[in-house]
Amino acid sequence: MAVGVSWPPQAASGRLERRPKRPASMPLSAPGTGSAGPSDGPGCTIGPVPSDSPHRADARSAGRTALFAGLLAAASLLGACTGGDATSAPPDGGPGASPTAAPDPLEVYRTIAAAMVEIRQLDAPSRADPEIIDGEQLRANLQAEFDKSNPAARLALTERIEVALGLLPADASLRAVMLELQNSQVIGYYDPSVDELFIVSRSGGLGPTQRATYAHEFVHELQDRHFDLESLGLEEATDESDLRLARLALVEGDATSAQTAWITANLSPVELGQMVAEAADPLILEVMGRTPAILLETSLFSYQAGAAFVGGLLSQGGWAAVDDAYGALPASTEQIIHPEKYAAREAPVDVALPADLAARFGTGWTLDAQDTLGELQLRVWLREGRVAGDVARVAADGWGGDRLALLAAPGGDDVVVLVTEWDSATDARDFRAAATAALAGYGRPGSLVAGGRRVVIAIGDGVAQVAGVEAILEALAAG
């Protein structure tokens, strides 16, 4: 189980065997030359990357660093430090530079680790040195990990849900799409199940991207030692994707905020520009461009919105407030998007589906899966149904709770039934209007009924087979 960037569609049902902690590689008592703290940067303002941003994630995905994660920090700081001019300082090793011996990579990483202990304010009496791998080894590792975390039967259920909702093409392979995205983006990860940290170097070099990646991933090692990442419940909540995304946002927002502080204190404008250039590689952008929005945006969410969420905690109580959040975990993406709801401990409404839901649809119907989408994924669903971005954001703002069911007709066609509950009748009306437009935008068989603070949707090819579907939905809307 690796912590860092993607959104594995489902978590493994069991834990990997946890090996004993590896022996210390070196004590971290002397920060050394890379120990500048959050306020020591060369004229740059420290802060998490702001975000208005936007299912599933498990503890394995709470540990990979993607190129776009480093890009968020680098691009933000590049403008702050140079006014947008990345050529204001000569590159290291340029004309006239004196040749210097290549630094020992392990010593560089140890110096960064010491700096992160100081920045993140979590002690690390011992740690494991990172393992450097190339692109081929990364692909092999990611494929093995993905297949272990996502049994074929469970992955097929996820595909069916996304296809029925209109978020994936009918012939899409979720496995192929996710592995392509991961292979193009992942540049490092920490695996808390075996206490190992991996850094990817496709060129064999030790550039700013590799150093910034290690800064991020070492925070995950610190988190694991102090808060036990496997105890966050990411693997157990297999039918609660919204909750997992929220908890992952805390983990990744924490690491991204600390990484940003390290980047500010230790990288030059030229190095920041190099990171941005690497993340903007045309091949990488091509992969991102063809990745379905639901996968890409849920992957980005934990870094963008997570950093903004953690930034709010830092402004209120420093790193101690972030530490406290691991004892009072966020319960929904709504709490990440609207931190005031986290502060007020506004819990999601528990929306329960009737035990006889499949029978209500007819003889031979089966209930194959359940999930909770939450504010983030509902916003994406609206927008992908051709609802304008601002309208989709406002319509999803009043989310109170939801529950999704994947139903299968006797002939094999699927229907997704989504029961949503809203904070007020006005919020329900806003969502109803946007969802009605989205159903039309998707052009798929569907039906929608609203009542009070509830809006209930049925969508999928199987809807056409159901006699009296609106009556079924009206009963669900009535509670």
Protein backbone atom coordinates (compact mmCIF):
# COMPACT_ATOMS: atom_id res chain seq x y z
CA MET A 1 0.00 0.00 0.00
CA ALA A 2 1.67 3.15 -1.13
CA VAL A 3 1.02 6.68 -0.06
CA GLY A 4 1.11 9.53 -2.66
CA VAL A 5 -0.88 10.17 -5.77
CA SER A 6 -3.35 8.33 -7.56
CA TRP A 7 -6.80 7.21 -7.01
CA PRO A 8 -6.89 3.43 -7.00
CA PRO A 9 -10.53 2.63 -7.74
CA GLN A 10 -10.88 0.31 -4.78
CA ALA A 11 -8.91 -0.65 -1.73
CA ALA A 12 -7.79 -4.15 -0.99
CA SER A 13 -10.01 -5.82 1.53
CA GLY A 14 -7.14 -6.97 3.71
CA ARG A 15 -3.86 -5.51 4.88
CA LEU A 16 -0.51 -6.42 3.48
CA GLU A 17 1.72 -8.19 5.94
CA ARG A 18 3.61 -5.54 7.83
CA ARG A 19 7.30 -6.18 8.13
CA PRO A 20 9.27 -5.05 11.19
CA LYS A 21 10.56 -1.50 11.00
CA ARG A 22 13.86 -1.33 9.15
CA PRO A 23 16.90 -0.40 11.21
CA ALA A 24 17.99 3.19 11.37
CA SER A 25 20.13 4.42 8.50
CA MET A 26 21.26 7.51 10.38
CA PRO A 27 20.09 9.69 13.26
CA LEU A 28 18.42 12.94 12.32
CA SER A 29 19.88 15.14 15.02
CA ALA A 30 21.76 17.60 12.82
CA PRO A 31 19.66 19.28 10.16
CA GLY A 32 22.66 20.36 8.09
CA THR A 33 22.70 22.70 5.15
CA GLY A 34 19.23 21.96 3.89
CA SER A 35 17.42 22.67 7.10
CA ALA A 36 15.96 26.06 6.35
CA GLY A 37 12.51 26.27 7.84
CA PRO A 38 9.32 27.67 6.39
CA SER A 39 10.36 31.27 6.85
CA ASP A 40 13.95 30.92 5.59
CA GLY A 41 13.28 31.04 1.85
CA PRO A 42 15.00 33.52 -0.48
CA GLY A 43 12.35 36.21 -0.42
CA CYS A 44 9.40 33.94 -1.08
CA THR A 45 6.16 33.74 0.82
CA ILE A 46 5.34 30.33 2.22
CA GLY A 47 1.89 28.96 1.77
CA PRO A 48 -0.02 26.03 0.38
CA VAL A 49 -1.12 26.12 -3.22
CA PRO A 50 -4.55 27.78 -3.26
CA SER A 51 -7.35 25.82 -4.86
CA ASP A 52 -10.99 26.00 -5.76
CA SER A 53 -10.72 22.45 -6.86
CA PRO A 54 -12.45 19.60 -7.15
CA HIS A 55 -13.18 7.79 -6.29
CA ARG A 56 -11.69 6.12 -4.71
CA ALA A 57 -8.41 6.11 -2.83
CA ASP A 58 -6.78 3.84 -0.36
CA ALA A 59 -3.74 4.02 1.85
CA ARG A 60 -1.64 2.95 -1.11
CA SER A 61 -2.54 6.15 -2.88
CA ALA A 62 -1.72 8.17 0.20
CA GLY A 63 1.96 8.02 -0.68
CA ARG A 64 2.78 8.56 -4.28
CA THR A 65 4.07 11.89 -5.47
CA ALA A 66 2.97 12.88 -8.95
CA LEU A 67 4.62 15.37 -11.24
CA PHE A 68 1.55 17.56 -10.96
CA ALA A 69 1.99 17.66 -7.18
CA GLY A 70 5.45 19.17 -7.54
CA LEU A 71 4.16 21.38 -10.32
CA LEU A 72 1.54 22.89 -8.00
CA ALA A 73 4.21 24.01 -5.57
CA ALA A 74 6.83 24.94 -8.14
CA ALA A 75 4.54 26.96 -10.39
CA SER A 76 3.11 28.90 -7.46
CA LEU A 77 6.52 29.70 -6.02
CA LEU A 78 8.11 30.45 -9.40
CA GLY A 79 5.84 33.43 -9.89
CA ALA A 80 6.18 34.55 -6.27
CA CYS A 81 9.96 34.41 -6.30
CA THR A 82 10.71 35.76 -9.78
CA GLY A 83 7.67 37.72 -10.84
CA GLY A 84 7.24 35.11 -13.56
CA ASP A 85 10.84 35.35 -14.84
CA ALA A 86 12.49 31.96 -14.50
CA THR A 87 15.71 33.13 -16.14
CA SER A 88 16.72 35.61 -13.46
CA ALA A 89 19.54 33.42 -12.18
CA PRO A 90 22.17 31.48 -14.16
CA PRO A 91 21.68 27.72 -14.13
CA ASP A 92 24.06 25.60 -12.10
CA GLY A 93 26.81 24.19 -14.23
CA GLY A 94 26.43 26.87 -16.92
CA PRO A 95 29.25 28.51 -18.87
CA GLY A 96 32.10 29.51 -16.62
CA ALA A 97 30.95 27.37 -13.71
CA SER A 98 33.62 25.47 -11.83
CA PRO A 99 33.29 21.70 -12.09
CA THR A 100 32.23 20.07 -8.87
CA ALA A 101 32.06 16.47 -7.81
CA ALA A 102 28.62 14.90 -8.01
CA PRO A 103 27.08 14.73 -4.53
CA ASP A 104 26.40 11.39 -2.91
CA PRO A 105 22.63 10.90 -3.45
CA LEU A 106 22.10 9.26 -0.06
CA GLU A 107 23.80 12.15 1.70
CA VAL A 108 21.57 14.57 -0.20
CA TYR A 109 18.47 12.65 0.82
CA ARG A 110 19.63 12.47 4.43
CA THR A 111 20.09 16.23 4.48
CA ILE A 112 16.60 16.71 3.07
CA ALA A 113 15.18 14.31 5.66
CA ALA A 114 16.77 16.35 8.43
CA ALA A 115 15.27 19.52 6.97
CA MET A 116 11.81 17.94 6.79
CA VAL A 117 12.00 16.90 10.44
CA GLU A 118 12.54 20.55 11.31
CA ILE A 119 9.92 21.90 8.92
CA ARG A 120 7.20 19.38 9.77
CA GLN A 121 8.05 19.40 13.49
CA LEU A 122 7.83 15.64 13.84
CA ASP A 123 10.83 13.83 15.24
CA ALA A 124 12.36 10.83 13.45
CA PRO A 125 14.93 9.04 15.58
CA SER A 126 15.52 6.61 12.71
CA ARG A 127 14.56 6.19 9.12
CA ALA A 128 15.09 4.09 6.01
CA ASP A 129 17.17 5.33 3.09
CA PRO A 130 15.16 5.63 -0.14
CA GLU A 131 15.43 3.09 -2.92
CA ILE A 132 16.11 4.65 -6.32
CA ILE A 133 14.30 2.94 -9.20
CA ASP A 134 14.02 3.57 -12.94
CA GLY A 135 10.94 3.89 -15.11
CA GLU A 136 10.78 0.21 -15.96
CA GLN A 137 10.87 -0.83 -12.31
CA LEU A 138 8.23 1.77 -11.51
CA ARG A 139 5.89 0.32 -14.14
CA ALA A 140 6.38 -3.18 -12.77
CA ASN A 141 5.81 -2.00 -9.19
CA LEU A 142 2.70 -0.01 -10.03
CA GLN A 143 1.14 -2.82 -12.02
CA ALA A 144 1.75 -5.38 -9.27
CA GLU A 145 0.42 -3.01 -6.61
CA PHE A 146 -2.63 -2.03 -8.65
CA ASP A 147 -3.59 -5.63 -9.33
CA LYS A 148 -3.17 -6.58 -5.67
CA SER A 149 -5.30 -3.63 -4.51
CA ASN A 150 -7.96 -4.01 -7.18
CA PRO A 151 -9.30 -7.53 -7.68
CA ALA A 152 -10.81 -7.94 -11.14
CA ALA A 153 -14.35 -8.43 -9.82
CA ARG A 154 -14.23 -5.27 -7.73
CA LEU A 155 -12.69 -3.26 -10.55
CA ALA A 156 -15.49 -4.42 -12.85
CA LEU A 157 -18.08 -3.06 -10.42
CA THR A 158 -16.36 0.32 -10.40
CA GLU A 159 -16.30 0.38 -14.19
CA ARG A 160 -20.01 -0.43 -14.31
CA ILE A 161 -20.85 2.41 -11.92
CA GLU A 162 -18.83 4.97 -13.89
CA VAL A 163 -20.21 3.80 -17.23
CA ALA A 164 -23.80 3.94 -15.96
CA LEU A 165 -23.22 7.46 -14.61
CA GLY A 166 -21.82 8.51 -17.98
CA LEU A 167 -18.34 9.23 -16.61
CA LEU A 168 -16.55 6.47 -18.55
CA PRO A 169 -17.03 5.24 -22.13
CA ALA A 170 -18.69 1.83 -22.32
CA ASP A 171 -15.52 0.21 -23.69
CA ALA A 172 -13.09 1.84 -21.25
CA SER A 173 -10.63 -0.25 -19.26
CA LEU A 174 -10.26 1.38 -15.87
CA ARG A 175 -7.10 -0.62 -15.24
CA ALA A 176 -5.47 0.57 -18.46
CA VAL A 177 -6.49 4.19 -17.90
CA MET A 178 -5.24 4.30 -14.32
CA LEU A 179 -1.94 2.56 -15.05
CA GLU A 180 -1.26 4.93 -17.93
CA LEU A 181 -1.95 7.93 -15.69
CA GLN A 182 0.19 6.56 -12.88
CA ASN A 183 3.09 5.66 -15.19
CA SER A 184 3.12 9.19 -16.59
CA GLN A 185 2.82 10.94 -13.23
CA VAL A 186 4.26 8.99 -10.33
CA ILE A 187 7.81 9.99 -9.41
CA GLY A 188 8.00 8.61 -5.89
CA TYR A 189 6.03 6.79 -3.25
CA TYR A 190 6.15 5.59 0.34
CA ASP A 191 4.73 2.18 1.21
CA PRO A 192 3.67 2.14 4.87
CA SER A 193 2.97 -1.59 4.82
CA VAL A 194 6.67 -2.35 4.42
CA ASP A 195 8.22 0.97 5.47
CA GLU A 196 9.93 1.58 2.14
CA LEU A 197 10.33 4.81 0.19
CA PHE A 198 10.96 4.79 -3.55
CA ILE A 199 12.20 7.64 -5.76
CA VAL A 200 11.98 7.39 -9.55
CA SER A 201 14.92 8.65 -11.61
CA ARG A 202 14.31 7.99 -15.29
CA SER A 203 17.54 9.72 -16.31
CA GLY A 204 19.63 8.46 -13.41
CA GLY A 205 20.17 12.03 -12.20
CA LEU A 206 19.35 13.82 -8.95
CA GLY A 207 17.58 16.97 -10.05
CA PRO A 208 15.21 19.33 -8.26
CA THR A 209 12.20 17.14 -9.06
CA GLN A 210 13.76 14.12 -7.35
CA ARG A 211 14.80 16.18 -4.32
CA ALA A 212 11.38 17.84 -3.98
CA THR A 213 9.73 14.44 -4.38
CA TYR A 214 11.79 13.00 -1.57
CA ALA A 215 10.85 15.95 0.66
CA HIS A 216 7.17 15.11 0.06
CA GLU A 217 7.56 11.37 0.51
CA PHE A 218 9.63 11.66 3.66
CA VAL A 219 6.71 13.52 5.23
CA HIS A 220 4.64 10.39 4.59
CA GLU A 221 7.25 8.37 6.47
CA LEU A 222 7.00 10.83 9.36
CA GLN A 223 3.19 10.61 9.25
CA ASP A 224 3.32 6.85 9.34
CA ARG A 225 5.63 6.78 12.35
CA HIS A 226 3.51 9.23 14.31
CA PHE A 227 -0.05 8.59 13.13
CA ASP A 228 0.08 5.09 11.54
CA LEU A 229 -1.28 5.64 8.04
CA GLU A 230 -2.75 2.16 7.95
CA SER A 231 -4.96 3.06 10.91
CA LEU A 232 -6.82 5.78 8.98
CA GLY A 233 -9.36 3.30 7.66
CA LEU A 234 -8.68 3.90 3.97
CA GLU A 235 -8.62 0.20 3.17
CA GLU A 236 -11.69 -0.74 5.16
CA ALA A 237 -14.02 1.90 3.68
CA THR A 238 -14.46 0.11 0.38
CA ASP A 239 -17.94 1.55 -0.19
CA GLU A 240 -17.24 5.06 1.12
CA SER A 241 -15.18 6.76 -1.58
CA ASP A 242 -16.06 10.27 -0.39
CA LEU A 243 -14.76 9.58 3.09
CA ARG A 244 -11.55 8.08 1.72
CA LEU A 245 -10.96 11.09 -0.52
CA ALA A 246 -11.39 13.41 2.46
CA ARG A 247 -8.90 11.55 4.62
CA LEU A 248 -6.45 11.28 1.75
CA ALA A 249 -6.70 15.06 1.29
CA LEU A 250 -5.47 15.55 4.86
CA VAL A 251 -2.52 13.23 4.31
CA GLU A 252 -1.51 14.67 0.95
CA GLY A 253 -2.28 18.26 1.87
CA ASP A 254 0.00 17.87 4.89
CA ALA A 255 2.87 16.51 2.77
CA THR A 256 2.35 19.07 -0.01
CA SER A 257 2.39 21.99 2.44
CA ALA A 258 5.62 20.81 4.05
CA GLN A 259 7.12 20.10 0.62
CA THR A 260 6.25 23.65 -0.48
CA ALA A 261 8.12 25.04 2.53
CA TRP A 262 11.19 22.97 1.65
CA ILE A 263 11.06 24.00 -2.02
CA THR A 264 10.84 27.66 -1.05
CA ALA A 265 13.86 27.42 1.21
CA ASN A 266 16.07 25.26 -0.97
CA LEU A 267 15.40 25.59 -4.72
CA SER A 268 16.41 28.46 -6.97
CA PRO A 269 14.09 30.08 -9.53
CA VAL A 270 15.93 28.17 -12.27
CA GLU A 271 15.31 24.88 -10.49
CA LEU A 272 11.65 25.77 -10.01
CA GLY A 273 11.45 26.42 -13.74
CA GLN A 274 13.05 23.05 -14.42
CA MET A 275 10.37 21.32 -12.33
CA VAL A 276 7.61 23.14 -14.19
CA ALA A 277 9.16 22.21 -17.54
CA GLU A 278 9.40 18.53 -16.59
CA ALA A 279 5.76 18.44 -15.47
CA ALA A 280 4.71 20.16 -18.71
CA ASP A 281 6.23 17.47 -20.93
CA PRO A 282 3.91 17.10 -23.99
CA LEU A 283 3.63 13.33 -23.54
CA ILE A 284 2.53 13.78 -19.92
CA LEU A 285 0.01 16.44 -20.89
CA GLU A 286 -1.32 14.18 -23.63
CA VAL A 287 -1.99 11.41 -21.10
CA MET A 288 -3.70 13.84 -18.75
CA GLY A 289 -5.77 15.22 -21.62
CA ARG A 290 -7.30 11.84 -22.42
CA THR A 291 -7.83 10.77 -18.82
CA PRO A 292 -11.54 10.90 -17.85
CA ALA A 293 -12.28 13.91 -15.67
CA ILE A 294 -13.55 11.86 -12.72
CA LEU A 295 -10.18 10.10 -12.45
CA LEU A 296 -8.01 13.14 -13.02
CA GLU A 297 -9.90 15.50 -10.75
CA THR A 298 -10.17 13.10 -7.84
CA SER A 299 -6.41 12.52 -8.18
CA LEU A 300 -5.68 16.26 -8.12
CA PHE A 301 -8.11 16.94 -5.28
CA SER A 302 -6.00 15.47 -2.49
CA TYR A 303 -3.10 17.78 -3.40
CA GLN A 304 -4.89 20.98 -4.38
CA ALA A 305 -7.83 21.10 -2.00
CA GLY A 306 -5.85 19.16 0.60
CA ALA A 307 -3.11 21.80 0.65
CA ALA A 308 -5.68 24.57 1.00
CA PHE A 309 -7.37 22.69 3.86
CA VAL A 310 -4.09 22.12 5.68
CA GLY A 311 -3.12 25.74 5.04
CA GLY A 312 -6.18 26.79 6.99
CA LEU A 313 -5.19 24.57 9.90
CA LEU A 314 -1.66 25.98 9.83
CA SER A 315 -2.95 29.54 9.94
CA GLN A 316 -5.06 28.72 12.99
CA GLY A 317 -2.72 26.62 15.07
CA GLY A 318 0.46 25.72 13.22
CA TRP A 319 1.60 22.13 12.76
CA ALA A 320 0.03 21.20 16.10
CA ALA A 321 -3.39 21.83 14.55
CA VAL A 322 -2.48 19.56 11.64
CA ASP A 323 -1.36 16.86 14.07
CA ASP A 324 -4.66 17.18 15.92
CA ALA A 325 -6.58 16.57 12.69
CA TYR A 326 -5.29 12.98 12.62
CA GLY A 327 -7.26 12.47 15.81
CA ALA A 328 -10.38 14.12 14.33
CA LEU A 329 -10.29 13.01 10.71
CA PRO A 330 -12.34 14.84 8.05
CA ALA A 331 -15.48 12.91 7.20
CA SER A 332 -16.31 14.18 3.70
CA THR A 333 -14.95 16.13 0.76
CA GLU A 334 -17.50 18.77 1.80
CA GLN A 335 -15.41 19.35 4.94
CA ILE A 336 -12.26 19.72 2.82
CA ILE A 337 -13.89 22.11 0.33
CA HIS A 338 -15.59 24.08 3.13
CA PRO A 339 -13.17 23.99 6.11
CA GLU A 340 -15.70 25.82 8.29
CA LYS A 341 -17.85 22.68 8.13
CA TYR A 342 -14.93 20.64 9.38
CA ALA A 343 -14.41 23.14 12.21
CA ALA A 344 -18.12 22.86 13.08
CA ARG A 345 -17.94 19.05 12.80
CA GLU A 346 -20.86 19.07 10.36
CA ALA A 347 -21.14 15.34 9.71
CA PRO A 348 -22.62 13.94 6.49
CA VAL A 349 -26.24 12.85 6.64
CA ASP A 350 -26.49 9.06 6.83
CA VAL A 351 -28.61 8.15 3.80
CA ALA A 352 -29.76 4.53 4.03
CA LEU A 353 -31.11 2.51 1.12
CA PRO A 354 -34.03 0.15 1.72
CA ALA A 355 -33.09 -3.52 1.99
CA ASP A 356 -35.62 -4.43 -0.71
CA LEU A 357 -34.43 -1.87 -3.25
CA ALA A 358 -33.59 -4.44 -5.93
CA ALA A 359 -36.94 -6.19 -5.47
CA ARG A 360 -38.74 -2.89 -6.03
CA PHE A 361 -37.25 -2.79 -9.51
CA GLY A 362 -38.58 -6.22 -10.37
CA THR A 363 -37.98 -9.95 -10.30
CA GLY A 364 -34.41 -10.95 -10.97
CA TRP A 365 -32.87 -7.53 -10.24
CA THR A 366 -29.78 -7.56 -7.99
CA LEU A 367 -28.03 -4.98 -5.84
CA ASP A 368 -24.36 -5.38 -6.77
CA ALA A 369 -22.60 -2.43 -5.07
CA GLN A 370 -23.04 0.71 -2.98
CA ASP A 371 -21.01 3.87 -2.51
CA THR A 372 -21.20 7.51 -1.39
CA LEU A 373 -20.17 10.11 -3.97
CA GLY A 374 -20.05 13.30 -1.91
CA GLU A 375 -19.82 16.94 -2.96
CA LEU A 376 -16.67 16.61 -5.06
CA GLN A 377 -17.80 13.73 -7.26
CA LEU A 378 -21.30 15.14 -7.66
CA ARG A 379 -19.78 18.40 -8.84
CA VAL A 380 -17.70 16.52 -11.42
CA TRP A 381 -20.75 14.52 -12.52
CA LEU A 382 -22.75 17.70 -13.08
CA ARG A 383 -19.97 19.39 -15.00
CA GLU A 384 -19.34 16.36 -17.20
CA GLY A 385 -23.06 16.48 -18.01
CA ARG A 386 -22.44 19.90 -19.62
CA VAL A 387 -23.49 21.97 -16.64
CA ALA A 388 -21.38 25.13 -16.42
CA GLY A 389 -18.61 24.97 -13.86
CA ASP A 390 -19.88 27.74 -11.60
CA VAL A 391 -23.41 26.35 -11.75
CA ALA A 392 -22.17 22.86 -10.89
CA ARG A 393 -20.15 24.20 -7.96
CA VAL A 394 -23.09 26.14 -6.50
CA ALA A 395 -25.49 23.23 -7.07
CA ALA A 396 -23.22 20.83 -5.17
CA ASP A 397 -22.48 23.29 -2.34
CA GLY A 398 -25.52 22.37 -0.27
CA TRP A 399 -24.73 18.65 -0.17
CA GLY A 400 -25.82 16.94 3.01
CA GLY A 401 -25.35 13.26 2.18
CA ASP A 402 -25.97 10.62 -0.47
CA ARG A 403 -26.00 6.91 -1.17
CA LEU A 404 -25.52 5.21 -4.50
CA ALA A 405 -26.67 1.73 -5.52
CA LEU A 406 -25.60 -0.25 -8.58
CA LEU A 407 -28.49 -2.44 -9.71
CA ALA A 408 -28.40 -5.08 -12.45
CA ALA A 409 -31.40 -6.07 -14.55
CA PRO A 410 -32.03 -9.74 -15.37
CA GLY A 411 -30.77 -9.11 -18.89
CA GLY A 412 -27.54 -7.54 -17.68
CA ASP A 413 -28.22 -3.82 -18.14
CA ASP A 414 -27.24 -1.58 -15.23
CA VAL A 415 -28.99 1.20 -13.34
CA VAL A 416 -27.38 3.51 -10.81
CA VAL A 417 -29.81 4.83 -8.22
CA LEU A 418 -28.55 7.89 -6.38
CA VAL A 419 -30.41 9.16 -3.31
CA THR A 420 -29.16 12.61 -2.27
CA GLU A 421 -30.10 14.75 0.71
CA TRP A 422 -29.45 18.50 0.88
CA ASP A 423 -29.00 21.05 3.63
CA SER A 424 -32.22 22.86 2.71
CA ALA A 425 -35.13 22.68 0.30
CA THR A 426 -33.52 25.55 -1.63
CA ASP A 427 -30.29 23.57 -1.99
CA ALA A 428 -32.32 20.59 -3.18
CA ARG A 429 -34.03 22.74 -5.82
CA ASP A 430 -30.65 24.04 -7.05
CA PHE A 431 -29.31 20.51 -7.40
CA ARG A 432 -32.50 19.29 -9.03
CA ALA A 433 -32.25 21.94 -11.74
CA ALA A 434 -28.58 21.20 -12.41
CA ALA A 435 -29.07 17.42 -12.31
CA THR A 436 -31.98 17.65 -14.75
CA ALA A 437 -29.71 19.52 -17.16
CA ALA A 438 -26.92 16.97 -16.61
CA LEU A 439 -29.21 14.04 -17.40
CA ALA A 440 -30.09 15.75 -20.68
CA GLY A 441 -26.42 16.45 -21.32
CA TYR A 442 -25.45 12.81 -20.91
CA GLY A 443 -28.22 11.69 -23.24
CA ARG A 444 -28.64 8.46 -21.30
CA PRO A 445 -31.85 6.83 -20.07
CA GLY A 446 -32.68 8.39 -16.74
CA SER A 447 -35.30 9.71 -14.36
CA LEU A 448 -35.30 12.24 -11.53
CA VAL A 449 -37.72 12.88 -8.67
CA ALA A 450 -37.45 15.44 -5.87
CA GLY A 451 -39.25 15.79 -2.58
CA GLY A 452 -38.42 18.12 0.29
CA ARG A 453 -34.66 18.04 0.81
CA ARG A 454 -34.16 14.88 -1.25
CA VAL A 455 -33.39 14.43 -4.93
CA VAL A 456 -33.35 10.88 -6.31
CA ILE A 457 -31.88 9.91 -9.67
CA ALA A 458 -31.91 6.71 -11.71
CA ILE A 459 -29.55 6.55 -14.69
CA GLY A 460 -28.35 3.77 -16.96
CA ASP A 461 -29.45 1.56 -19.81
CA GLY A 462 -31.62 -0.53 -17.51
CA VAL A 463 -33.94 2.36 -16.68
CA ALA A 464 -35.94 1.73 -19.86
CA GLN A 465 -36.81 -1.77 -18.59
CA VAL A 466 -38.45 -0.55 -15.38
CA ALA A 467 -42.19 -0.02 -15.32
CA GLY A 468 -43.16 2.71 -12.87
CA VAL A 469 -39.60 3.87 -12.18
CA GLU A 470 -40.84 7.30 -11.09
CA ALA A 471 -43.05 5.75 -8.42
CA ILE A 472 -40.04 3.87 -7.06
CA LEU A 473 -38.01 7.07 -6.96
CA GLU A 474 -40.86 9.01 -5.33
CA ALA A 475 -40.94 6.50 -2.49
CA LEU A 476 -37.19 6.92 -2.03
CA ALA A 477 -37.53 10.70 -2.06
CA ALA A 478 -40.18 10.48 0.63
CA GLY A 479 -37.67 8.68 2.83
